[in-house]
Amino acid sequence: MYKLLIVDDEQIEREGLKAILQHGLPDIIIEQAKNGNIAVQLAEEFRPDLILMDVKMPGINGLEAVELISANQPSIKFIMVTAYDTFDYARKAIKLGVKDYLLKPSKASEIVTTVQRVLHLIEEERKTVETTELQRTALQRVMPIIETDIVTQLLFDHVHEVHLDELVELLGVHTANEKYAMTVLLPPGAESCYISIKEKVRTMGSGWVGAMYGRQIPIIVFPEADRSYRSQAVTMARELLAVAKADGNDGWFVGIGGVYESLDQIRQSYQEALMASIDPSLPVKYRFYEDTPVLGVTRDGYPVKQLEQQLFDRIRLGQWEQVRNDLTDFVRRYENEGANLVHAQQRVLELLWIASRVLLEMGVEIDTPMFSFQAQDYRQLRTESELLLERMRQSYTEHHERIEPDAIQQIKQYITDHSHEDISLEAIGRMVGLSPFYISKMFKDQLGINYIDFLTECRIKKAIKLMADPERSLKEITYMVGYHDPNYFSKVFKKMCEVSPTEYRKTLLGKSASS
């Protein structure tokens, strides 16, 4: 149902237009105004979809009335009715957004056809708005999944170039400025606070929250350019810890990594955040990596960051013999330097804490490693360190053996069957009882590709099959294979297939027709 307003100072003109339109378009609701001032007032009350506006009227003329009405109701369309067919008039009318015009006098058929043409335009715009709103709603629903997945990929794997730019664009965060990572360590039993943490970060509008694993929540933060990184990080840490007070749980801790320019470096910031949280017993329940005690640098300049990075990577890869050698070498360096034994034992304990944090992110829960006594000499320190490390290795092995041998095949089949849905690593993890990050690692190790790449391959394969049906539009296919934005689908398709969906379909249907 459409509403139409006829504006003309001649009653006979108004009545004539009304009669013609009621006969040709009987479903239209029609009102009349005898001058521009009344038209402006009636437009507010009647809210027409289309106005037929006479140009020459007493008081304000038609073009002036169009300008006033459009200022408050830009969606209203106009057809000008005039006896003047001049270039200057037409140019001004077009500038005001007038969609068409009728010359006096006009045939009844021409009047109906012109009005129908503009009503068709209104209908198309309504459909576009409705489709856009559906897309917006769908994107709002899928945003948390996009957010957790991209954090997982950035912190624990490499995001394929097909996705990173588009995913970041969908999330609508300006990433050109500096960024850093935080990790929130929850006490046992506080896992239900994950939703509250996500909501807190969302309301602050400052970052992305990843999937929770082993009572740890990773966050990528985008600070404001006009405030210092430390002041903003402290504010955010306190806001997150306020959730703990509301929950009534002790044992929370927030680790804060260093600031980096590129998202490619955010993994290092995250590992620094883990390092900053290795001792949650501190009285202040947050700490910056730059404020943590340095593990120590030997006289030959052995880089501590390199050792930390090696530990993270080798434990994730299950390279326990290399981890043992690194630890033994670290103790030997302190011994050769004649370092204080108490100091050396503390530094070794910090390395073991790093190892426990990496295991926790993989879903292997272990007690915080602690020495039961102060070592009396370096030989005893090596023995006790290796014993603690061996317990970690056993926990890792037991966890790995508990995993169903065909888990990766189950996951592949699930993704294949449900690729058209809003699935995520977090949801898959709940299904098979594994952490999202461990699933990501298994995918890369066993299949040689990322989870998101495999999901994309499944969706593109399904899209290609659907393209063989000429009755389906590309927009329809976009939604059927699991995407919520046709533009994003088109970009991903072109990067995967090297041609646009439209070009690919033309070739596909052309081959079908020739065969």
Protein backbone atom coordinates (compact mmCIF):
# COMPACT_ATOMS: atom_id res chain seq x y z
CA MET A 1 0.00 0.00 0.00
CA TYR A 2 1.34 3.40 -1.05
CA LYS A 3 0.34 6.90 0.01
CA LEU A 4 0.36 9.73 -2.52
CA LEU A 5 -0.08 13.49 -2.04
CA ILE A 6 -1.28 15.73 -4.90
CA VAL A 7 -0.27 19.39 -4.55
CA ASP A 8 -1.80 21.97 -6.92
CA ASP A 9 -3.51 25.37 -6.43
CA GLU A 10 -6.18 24.45 -9.04
CA GLN A 11 -8.86 22.16 -7.59
CA ILE A 12 -9.89 20.91 -11.02
CA GLU A 13 -6.27 19.80 -11.65
CA ARG A 14 -6.11 17.99 -8.32
CA GLU A 15 -9.42 16.22 -8.82
CA GLY A 16 -8.50 15.24 -12.37
CA LEU A 17 -5.20 13.67 -11.29
CA LYS A 18 -6.91 11.89 -8.41
CA ALA A 19 -9.58 10.38 -10.67
CA ILE A 20 -7.01 9.19 -13.20
CA LEU A 21 -4.79 7.59 -10.53
CA GLN A 22 -7.65 6.00 -8.60
CA HIS A 23 -8.81 4.37 -11.82
CA GLY A 24 -5.34 3.23 -12.92
CA LEU A 25 -3.90 2.44 -9.47
CA PRO A 26 -6.88 1.68 -7.20
CA ASP A 27 -4.78 0.55 -4.18
CA ILE A 28 -3.17 3.97 -3.65
CA ILE A 29 -4.29 6.21 -0.76
CA ILE A 30 -4.51 9.80 -2.02
CA GLU A 31 -4.62 13.15 -0.16
CA GLN A 32 -4.62 16.69 -1.59
CA ALA A 33 -3.03 20.06 -0.74
CA LYS A 34 -3.92 23.35 -2.44
CA ASN A 35 -0.59 25.12 -1.90
CA GLY A 36 3.02 24.60 -0.81
CA ASN A 37 2.56 25.61 2.83
CA ILE A 38 -0.27 23.10 3.33
CA ALA A 39 1.80 20.45 1.50
CA VAL A 40 4.69 20.92 3.98
CA GLN A 41 2.31 20.54 6.94
CA LEU A 42 0.42 17.59 5.43
CA ALA A 43 3.67 15.79 4.55
CA GLU A 44 4.44 15.65 8.28
CA GLU A 45 1.00 14.30 9.18
CA PHE A 46 0.21 12.05 6.19
CA ARG A 47 3.75 10.74 5.56
CA PRO A 48 3.28 10.09 1.82
CA ASP A 49 5.58 7.84 -0.20
CA LEU A 50 5.20 10.03 -3.31
CA ILE A 51 4.18 13.64 -3.95
CA LEU A 52 2.92 15.05 -7.26
CA MET A 53 3.98 18.70 -6.90
CA ASP A 54 2.83 21.61 -9.06
CA VAL A 55 5.63 24.09 -9.72
CA LYS A 56 3.86 27.45 -9.97
CA MET A 57 1.67 28.17 -6.89
CA PRO A 58 0.98 31.20 -4.70
CA GLY A 59 3.16 31.54 -1.60
CA ILE A 60 6.06 29.14 -1.72
CA ASN A 61 6.42 27.50 -5.13
CA GLY A 62 6.73 23.78 -5.79
CA LEU A 63 10.52 23.57 -5.83
CA GLU A 64 10.73 25.47 -2.52
CA ALA A 65 8.15 23.09 -1.01
CA VAL A 66 10.19 20.10 -2.24
CA GLU A 67 13.30 21.52 -0.55
CA LEU A 68 11.49 22.03 2.78
CA ILE A 69 9.85 18.59 2.79
CA SER A 70 13.02 16.76 1.74
CA ALA A 71 14.98 18.35 4.58
CA ASN A 72 12.79 16.54 7.13
CA GLN A 73 11.73 13.48 5.13
CA PRO A 74 14.45 12.60 2.60
CA SER A 75 12.82 9.27 1.69
CA ILE A 76 9.79 10.93 0.02
CA LYS A 77 9.88 10.85 -3.79
CA PHE A 78 8.60 13.69 -6.01
CA ILE A 79 7.11 14.05 -9.47
CA MET A 80 6.86 17.67 -10.63
CA VAL A 81 3.77 18.76 -12.57
CA THR A 82 4.48 21.83 -14.69
CA ALA A 83 3.69 23.72 -17.83
CA TYR A 84 7.35 24.81 -18.03
CA ASP A 85 9.79 22.50 -19.79
CA THR A 86 13.01 24.47 -19.38
CA PHE A 87 16.59 23.40 -18.78
CA ASP A 88 17.12 25.61 -15.70
CA TYR A 89 14.02 24.23 -14.04
CA ALA A 90 14.99 20.63 -14.81
CA ARG A 91 18.52 21.13 -13.49
CA LYS A 92 17.26 22.50 -10.17
CA ALA A 93 14.63 19.76 -9.88
CA ILE A 94 17.28 17.05 -10.41
CA LYS A 95 19.51 18.69 -7.79
CA LEU A 96 16.63 18.44 -5.31
CA GLY A 97 16.21 14.73 -6.06
CA VAL A 98 12.99 14.93 -8.10
CA LYS A 99 12.50 11.55 -9.78
CA ASP A 100 10.35 12.56 -12.78
CA TYR A 101 8.04 15.25 -14.12
CA LEU A 102 4.75 15.59 -16.00
CA LEU A 103 3.93 18.37 -18.43
CA LYS A 104 0.49 19.98 -18.39
CA PRO A 105 -1.60 18.65 -20.00
CA SER A 106 -0.66 14.93 -20.03
CA LYS A 107 -2.50 11.85 -21.20
CA ALA A 108 -4.05 9.65 -18.52
CA SER A 109 -1.90 6.69 -19.60
CA GLU A 110 1.27 8.79 -19.35
CA ILE A 111 0.34 9.95 -15.83
CA VAL A 112 -0.30 6.39 -14.64
CA THR A 113 2.88 5.07 -16.29
CA THR A 114 5.05 7.80 -14.74
CA VAL A 115 3.61 7.23 -11.25
CA GLN A 116 4.01 3.45 -11.64
CA ARG A 117 7.64 3.92 -12.61
CA VAL A 118 8.42 5.89 -9.45
CA LEU A 119 6.39 3.51 -7.26
CA HIS A 120 8.45 0.66 -8.67
CA LEU A 121 11.59 2.56 -7.66
CA ILE A 122 10.16 2.98 -4.14
CA GLU A 123 9.44 -0.76 -3.97
CA GLU A 124 13.01 -1.61 -5.01
CA GLU A 125 14.40 0.73 -2.37
CA ARG A 126 12.17 -0.88 0.27
CA LYS A 127 13.48 -4.31 -0.68
CA THR A 128 17.06 -3.04 -0.57
CA VAL A 129 16.53 -1.54 2.88
CA GLU A 130 14.90 -4.76 4.08
CA THR A 131 17.75 -6.87 2.68
CA THR A 132 20.34 -4.54 4.21
CA GLU A 133 18.61 -4.77 7.58
CA LEU A 134 18.55 -8.58 7.37
CA GLN A 135 22.26 -8.56 6.49
CA ARG A 136 23.00 -6.21 9.38
CA THR A 137 21.08 -8.44 11.79
CA ALA A 138 22.85 -11.54 10.48
CA LEU A 139 26.24 -9.84 10.80
CA GLN A 140 25.44 -8.75 14.36
CA ARG A 141 24.63 -12.36 15.18
CA VAL A 142 27.84 -13.72 13.65
CA MET A 143 30.17 -10.96 14.94
CA PRO A 144 31.06 -12.78 18.20
CA ILE A 145 32.03 -15.86 16.19
CA ILE A 146 34.17 -13.80 13.81
CA GLU A 147 35.79 -12.07 16.78
CA THR A 148 36.72 -15.22 18.72
CA ASP A 149 37.98 -16.97 15.61
CA ILE A 150 40.19 -14.12 14.44
CA VAL A 151 41.72 -13.81 17.91
CA THR A 152 42.43 -17.55 17.87
CA GLN A 153 44.06 -17.35 14.46
CA LEU A 154 46.12 -14.26 15.29
CA LEU A 155 47.44 -15.55 18.61
CA PHE A 156 47.94 -19.22 17.81
CA ASP A 157 48.24 -19.54 14.05
CA HIS A 158 48.62 -17.49 10.87
CA VAL A 159 45.45 -16.11 9.29
CA HIS A 160 45.34 -16.75 5.56
CA GLU A 161 45.46 -13.56 3.48
CA VAL A 162 42.04 -14.49 2.07
CA HIS A 163 40.51 -13.64 5.40
CA LEU A 164 42.46 -11.23 7.56
CA ASP A 165 41.65 -7.93 5.84
CA GLU A 166 38.01 -8.83 5.25
CA LEU A 167 37.45 -10.13 8.77
CA VAL A 168 39.01 -7.04 10.30
CA GLU A 169 36.85 -4.89 8.01
CA LEU A 170 33.71 -6.75 9.13
CA LEU A 171 34.59 -6.22 12.79
CA GLY A 172 34.76 -2.48 12.10
CA VAL A 173 37.83 -1.75 14.24
CA HIS A 174 40.49 0.70 13.11
CA THR A 175 43.69 -1.33 13.47
CA ALA A 176 46.22 1.14 12.08
CA ASN A 177 47.21 2.35 15.55
CA GLU A 178 49.20 0.49 18.20
CA LYS A 179 47.69 -2.57 19.85
CA TYR A 180 48.54 -4.98 22.64
CA ALA A 181 47.28 -8.21 24.22
CA MET A 182 45.94 -9.00 27.67
CA THR A 183 45.12 -12.30 29.33
CA VAL A 184 42.58 -12.69 32.14
CA LEU A 185 43.29 -15.64 34.44
CA LEU A 186 40.18 -16.93 36.21
CA PRO A 187 40.14 -19.04 39.39
CA PRO A 188 38.54 -22.51 39.32
CA GLY A 189 34.74 -22.24 39.23
CA ALA A 190 34.65 -18.76 37.69
CA GLU A 191 34.38 -19.93 34.05
CA SER A 192 30.80 -18.62 33.88
CA CYS A 193 32.20 -15.07 34.06
CA TYR A 194 33.44 -15.35 30.46
CA ILE A 195 30.23 -13.78 29.12
CA SER A 196 30.55 -10.89 31.59
CA ILE A 197 34.13 -10.28 30.45
CA LYS A 198 33.06 -10.22 26.78
CA GLU A 199 30.24 -7.79 27.58
CA LYS A 200 32.58 -5.53 29.57
CA VAL A 201 35.07 -5.30 26.66
CA ARG A 202 32.21 -4.74 24.21
CA THR A 203 30.79 -1.84 26.23
CA MET A 204 34.26 -0.29 26.50
CA GLY A 205 34.55 -0.62 22.70
CA SER A 206 38.26 -1.21 22.87
CA GLY A 207 39.08 -4.72 21.76
CA TRP A 208 38.38 -8.30 20.67
CA VAL A 209 37.87 -11.19 23.08
CA GLY A 210 39.04 -14.67 22.13
CA ALA A 211 37.67 -18.03 23.18
CA MET A 212 38.31 -19.07 26.78
CA TYR A 213 40.70 -21.95 27.31
CA GLY A 214 41.91 -23.47 30.57
CA ARG A 215 40.45 -20.56 32.61
CA GLN A 216 42.37 -18.00 30.53
CA ILE A 217 40.72 -15.36 28.33
CA PRO A 218 42.86 -13.67 25.63
CA ILE A 219 42.01 -10.10 24.60
CA ILE A 220 43.45 -7.96 21.79
CA VAL A 221 43.18 -4.28 22.77
CA PHE A 222 43.15 -1.21 20.51
CA PRO A 223 43.97 1.80 22.71
CA GLU A 224 42.94 5.37 21.95
CA ALA A 225 45.68 7.43 20.35
CA ASP A 226 45.27 10.44 22.66
CA ARG A 227 45.88 8.54 25.93
CA SER A 228 48.93 6.70 27.18
CA TYR A 229 49.02 2.94 26.77
CA ARG A 230 49.70 2.31 30.47
CA SER A 231 46.87 4.48 31.77
CA GLN A 232 44.37 2.88 29.39
CA ALA A 233 45.60 -0.63 30.17
CA VAL A 234 45.32 0.00 33.92
CA THR A 235 41.78 1.33 33.47
CA MET A 236 40.78 -1.73 31.46
CA ALA A 237 42.42 -4.16 33.89
CA ARG A 238 40.56 -2.57 36.80
CA GLU A 239 37.27 -2.72 34.90
CA LEU A 240 37.81 -6.41 34.19
CA LEU A 241 38.75 -7.10 37.81
CA ALA A 242 35.55 -5.32 38.85
CA VAL A 243 33.72 -8.27 37.27
CA ALA A 244 35.58 -10.47 39.76
CA LYS A 245 34.31 -8.40 42.68
CA ALA A 246 30.76 -8.69 41.40
CA ASP A 247 31.25 -12.44 41.12
CA GLY A 248 32.69 -12.69 44.61
CA ASN A 249 35.70 -14.76 43.52
CA ASP A 250 39.33 -14.29 44.48
CA GLY A 251 42.23 -15.52 42.39
CA TRP A 252 41.72 -13.37 39.29
CA PHE A 253 44.74 -11.87 37.55
CA VAL A 254 45.33 -9.76 34.42
CA GLY A 255 48.59 -9.94 32.46
CA ILE A 256 49.37 -7.11 30.03
CA GLY A 257 51.69 -7.49 27.03
CA GLY A 258 53.74 -4.83 25.29
CA VAL A 259 52.50 -2.48 22.55
CA TYR A 260 53.12 -3.37 18.89
CA GLU A 261 52.41 -1.65 15.59
CA SER A 262 51.21 -4.61 13.54
CA LEU A 263 48.64 -7.36 14.07
CA ASP A 264 51.35 -9.73 12.84
CA GLN A 265 53.23 -8.95 16.09
CA ILE A 266 50.28 -9.36 18.44
CA ARG A 267 51.26 -12.97 19.14
CA GLN A 268 54.43 -11.71 20.85
CA SER A 269 52.38 -9.30 22.97
CA TYR A 270 50.09 -12.14 24.00
CA GLN A 271 53.01 -14.30 25.09
CA GLU A 272 54.28 -11.35 27.11
CA ALA A 273 50.84 -11.06 28.74
CA LEU A 274 51.10 -14.74 29.75
CA MET A 275 54.55 -14.05 31.19
CA ALA A 276 53.19 -11.13 33.18
CA SER A 277 50.54 -13.37 34.76
CA ILE A 278 52.79 -16.22 35.90
CA ASP A 279 52.50 -15.19 39.57
CA PRO A 280 48.82 -14.47 40.38
CA SER A 281 49.60 -14.26 44.13
CA LEU A 282 50.82 -10.67 43.78
CA PRO A 283 48.88 -8.13 45.90
CA VAL A 284 48.05 -5.98 42.84
CA LYS A 285 46.04 -8.25 40.53
CA TYR A 286 47.45 -6.98 37.23
CA ARG A 287 50.96 -6.59 35.89
CA PHE A 288 52.70 -5.32 32.77
CA TYR A 289 55.26 -7.53 31.07
CA GLU A 290 57.74 -4.67 31.18
CA ASP A 291 57.43 -4.69 34.99
CA THR A 292 58.18 -8.42 35.41
CA PRO A 293 61.60 -9.46 36.71
CA VAL A 294 63.92 -10.20 33.80
CA LEU A 295 64.82 -13.87 33.53
CA GLY A 296 68.45 -12.84 33.28
CA VAL A 297 70.89 -12.36 30.42
CA THR A 298 74.17 -14.28 30.51
CA ARG A 299 77.52 -12.61 29.94
CA ASP A 300 77.57 -13.71 26.32
CA GLY A 301 74.31 -11.86 25.71
CA TYR A 302 71.99 -14.88 25.43
CA PRO A 303 68.65 -13.33 24.40
CA VAL A 304 65.92 -14.04 26.94
CA LYS A 305 63.06 -13.34 24.51
CA GLN A 306 64.45 -15.99 22.17
CA LEU A 307 64.39 -18.55 24.98
CA GLU A 308 60.80 -17.63 25.90
CA GLN A 309 59.72 -17.94 22.26
CA GLN A 310 61.45 -21.32 21.93
CA LEU A 311 59.65 -22.62 25.00
CA PHE A 312 56.26 -21.50 23.73
CA ASP A 313 56.76 -23.02 20.29
CA ARG A 314 58.43 -26.28 21.34
CA ILE A 315 55.88 -27.15 24.00
CA ARG A 316 53.05 -26.43 21.58
CA LEU A 317 54.73 -28.79 19.11
CA GLY A 318 55.38 -31.44 21.76
CA GLN A 319 59.17 -31.24 21.35
CA TRP A 320 59.92 -32.19 24.96
CA GLU A 321 63.49 -33.36 24.45
CA GLN A 322 64.41 -29.95 23.05
CA VAL A 323 62.60 -28.26 25.95
CA ARG A 324 64.63 -30.38 28.40
CA ASN A 325 67.87 -29.41 26.62
CA ASP A 326 66.92 -25.71 26.72
CA LEU A 327 66.25 -25.89 30.45
CA THR A 328 69.50 -27.78 31.16
CA ASP A 329 71.44 -25.27 29.07
CA PHE A 330 69.81 -22.39 30.94
CA VAL A 331 70.87 -23.85 34.32
CA ARG A 332 74.38 -24.55 33.03
CA ARG A 333 74.82 -20.94 31.92
CA TYR A 334 73.96 -19.69 35.43
CA GLU A 335 76.32 -22.24 36.94
CA ASN A 336 79.17 -21.24 34.62
CA GLU A 337 78.66 -17.59 35.52
CA GLY A 338 78.82 -18.40 39.22
CA ALA A 339 75.38 -16.87 39.77
CA ASN A 340 73.62 -16.96 43.13
CA LEU A 341 71.85 -20.35 43.47
CA VAL A 342 68.66 -18.87 44.99
CA HIS A 343 68.46 -16.39 42.13
CA ALA A 344 69.03 -19.16 39.56
CA GLN A 345 66.31 -21.36 41.09
CA GLN A 346 63.80 -18.50 40.90
CA ARG A 347 64.63 -17.91 37.23
CA VAL A 348 64.24 -21.61 36.42
CA LEU A 349 60.88 -21.63 38.21
CA GLU A 350 59.72 -18.74 36.03
CA LEU A 351 60.59 -20.76 32.90
CA LEU A 352 58.60 -23.70 34.26
CA TRP A 353 55.69 -21.35 34.87
CA ILE A 354 55.83 -20.37 31.19
CA ALA A 355 55.62 -24.06 30.28
CA SER A 356 52.58 -24.53 32.54
CA ARG A 357 50.81 -21.56 30.92
CA VAL A 358 51.35 -23.02 27.44
CA LEU A 359 49.97 -26.38 28.59
CA LEU A 360 46.95 -24.61 30.07
CA GLU A 361 46.16 -22.94 26.76
CA MET A 362 46.19 -26.41 25.16
CA GLY A 363 43.66 -27.69 27.70
CA VAL A 364 46.17 -29.51 29.93
CA GLU A 365 45.41 -28.47 33.50
CA ILE A 366 48.34 -29.00 35.92
CA ASP A 367 49.25 -27.68 39.34
CA THR A 368 51.48 -24.60 39.34
CA PRO A 369 55.06 -25.94 39.36
CA MET A 370 56.86 -25.30 42.65
CA PHE A 371 60.16 -26.48 44.15
CA SER A 372 59.52 -28.33 47.40
CA PHE A 373 62.80 -27.11 48.90
CA GLN A 374 65.74 -24.82 48.24
CA ALA A 375 68.39 -26.60 46.15
CA GLN A 376 71.74 -27.03 47.87
CA ASP A 377 73.80 -27.05 44.67
CA TYR A 378 73.41 -26.81 40.88
CA ARG A 379 73.35 -30.60 40.46
CA GLN A 380 70.30 -30.78 42.73
CA LEU A 381 68.69 -27.83 40.89
CA ARG A 382 69.06 -29.65 37.56
CA THR A 383 67.60 -32.84 39.01
CA GLU A 384 64.58 -31.14 40.57
CA SER A 385 63.96 -29.00 37.46
CA GLU A 386 64.00 -32.04 35.21
CA LEU A 387 61.63 -33.84 37.59
CA LEU A 388 59.08 -30.98 37.41
CA LEU A 389 59.44 -30.84 33.63
CA GLU A 390 58.94 -34.61 33.35
CA ARG A 391 55.66 -34.34 35.28
CA MET A 392 54.50 -31.75 32.74
CA ARG A 393 55.50 -33.99 29.86
CA GLN A 394 53.54 -36.88 31.37
CA SER A 395 50.44 -34.69 31.73
CA TYR A 396 50.83 -33.59 28.12
CA THR A 397 51.21 -37.21 26.93
CA GLU A 398 48.21 -38.43 28.95
CA HIS A 399 46.09 -35.60 27.57
CA HIS A 400 47.20 -36.37 24.02
CA GLU A 401 46.45 -40.09 24.42
CA ARG A 402 42.94 -39.37 25.72
CA ILE A 403 42.09 -37.63 22.49
CA GLU A 404 40.12 -39.83 20.10
CA PRO A 405 42.48 -40.92 17.30
CA ASP A 406 39.86 -39.97 14.72
CA ALA A 407 39.08 -36.58 16.31
CA ILE A 408 40.40 -34.64 13.33
CA GLN A 409 38.22 -36.70 10.97
CA GLN A 410 35.19 -36.03 13.18
CA ILE A 411 35.96 -32.32 13.04
CA LYS A 412 36.45 -32.37 9.26
CA GLN A 413 33.14 -34.16 8.78
CA TYR A 414 31.34 -31.77 11.13
CA ILE A 415 32.69 -28.73 9.26
CA THR A 416 31.77 -30.27 5.90
CA ASP A 417 28.21 -31.01 7.05
CA HIS A 418 27.67 -27.67 8.82
CA SER A 419 29.79 -25.23 6.78
CA HIS A 420 26.65 -23.28 5.82
CA GLU A 421 26.03 -22.50 9.52
CA ASP A 422 27.69 -20.02 11.89
CA ILE A 423 30.19 -22.50 13.31
CA SER A 424 33.34 -21.63 15.22
CA LEU A 425 36.37 -23.27 16.77
CA GLU A 426 34.77 -22.70 20.16
CA ALA A 427 31.63 -24.64 19.17
CA ILE A 428 33.69 -27.45 17.64
CA GLY A 429 35.82 -27.56 20.78
CA ARG A 430 32.74 -28.13 22.93
CA MET A 431 31.65 -30.94 20.61
CA VAL A 432 34.90 -32.92 20.79
CA GLY A 433 36.08 -31.80 24.25
CA LEU A 434 39.21 -29.98 23.05
CA SER A 435 40.40 -26.40 23.38
CA PRO A 436 39.93 -24.19 20.27
CA PHE A 437 43.65 -23.56 20.16
CA TYR A 438 44.52 -27.23 20.26
CA ILE A 439 42.08 -27.88 17.41
CA SER A 440 43.75 -25.12 15.40
CA LYS A 441 47.15 -26.72 16.07
CA MET A 442 45.90 -30.22 15.10
CA PHE A 443 44.49 -28.89 11.85
CA LYS A 444 47.78 -27.29 10.89
CA ASP A 445 49.86 -30.29 11.97
CA GLN A 446 47.73 -33.04 10.41
CA LEU A 447 46.19 -31.33 7.38
CA GLY A 448 48.69 -28.60 6.60
CA ILE A 449 46.00 -25.88 6.46
CA ASN A 450 44.16 -23.68 8.93
CA TYR A 451 40.67 -24.49 10.16
CA ILE A 452 39.31 -21.31 8.55
CA ASP A 453 40.91 -22.25 5.21
CA PHE A 454 39.23 -25.67 5.31
CA LEU A 455 35.87 -24.05 6.19
CA THR A 456 36.30 -21.64 3.26
CA GLU A 457 37.11 -24.48 0.86
CA CYS A 458 33.91 -26.30 1.91
CA ARG A 459 31.81 -23.17 1.38
CA ILE A 460 33.33 -22.32 -2.01
CA LYS A 461 32.87 -25.92 -3.24
CA LYS A 462 29.19 -25.78 -2.25
CA ALA A 463 28.83 -22.37 -3.92
CA ILE A 464 30.27 -23.74 -7.19
CA LYS A 465 27.78 -26.62 -7.15
CA LEU A 466 24.87 -24.21 -6.56
CA MET A 467 26.06 -21.92 -9.37
CA ALA A 468 25.19 -24.64 -11.85
CA ASP A 469 21.51 -23.87 -11.16
CA PRO A 470 20.68 -20.74 -13.22
CA GLU A 471 17.50 -20.19 -11.19
CA ARG A 472 19.48 -19.23 -8.06
CA SER A 473 20.89 -15.72 -7.69
CA LEU A 474 24.43 -15.14 -6.42
CA LYS A 475 23.00 -13.32 -3.42
CA GLU A 476 20.87 -16.35 -2.58
CA ILE A 477 23.90 -18.63 -2.95
CA THR A 478 25.90 -16.36 -0.63
CA TYR A 479 23.48 -16.97 2.22
CA MET A 480 23.02 -20.66 1.42
CA VAL A 481 26.74 -21.45 1.84
CA GLY A 482 27.10 -19.57 5.13
CA TYR A 483 28.15 -16.01 4.30
CA HIS A 484 26.20 -12.96 5.45
CA ASP A 485 27.75 -10.34 3.19
CA PRO A 486 27.70 -10.76 -0.63
CA ASN A 487 30.67 -8.41 -1.01
CA TYR A 488 32.76 -10.46 1.41
CA PHE A 489 31.75 -13.68 -0.36
CA SER A 490 32.76 -12.16 -3.70
CA LYS A 491 36.21 -11.13 -2.37
CA VAL A 492 36.88 -14.54 -0.85
CA PHE A 493 35.68 -16.34 -3.99
CA LYS A 494 37.89 -14.24 -6.25
CA LYS A 495 40.98 -14.85 -4.10
CA MET A 496 40.30 -18.58 -4.00
CA CYS A 497 39.28 -19.05 -7.66
CA GLU A 498 41.10 -16.06 -9.25
CA VAL A 499 37.89 -14.87 -10.93
CA SER A 500 34.74 -13.22 -9.58
CA PRO A 501 31.62 -15.33 -8.89
CA THR A 502 29.87 -13.64 -11.83
CA GLU A 503 32.69 -14.47 -14.27
CA TYR A 504 33.01 -18.03 -12.97
CA ARG A 505 29.28 -18.60 -13.34
CA LYS A 506 29.21 -17.29 -16.91
CA THR A 507 31.95 -19.76 -17.83
CA LEU A 508 30.25 -22.58 -15.93
CA LEU A 509 26.82 -22.03 -17.49
CA GLY A 510 28.39 -21.49 -20.90
CA LYS A 511 30.08 -24.88 -20.73
CA SER A 512 26.84 -26.49 -19.58
CA ALA A 513 24.94 -24.98 -22.50
CA SER A 514 27.54 -26.09 -25.07
CA SER A 515 27.61 -29.63 -23.73
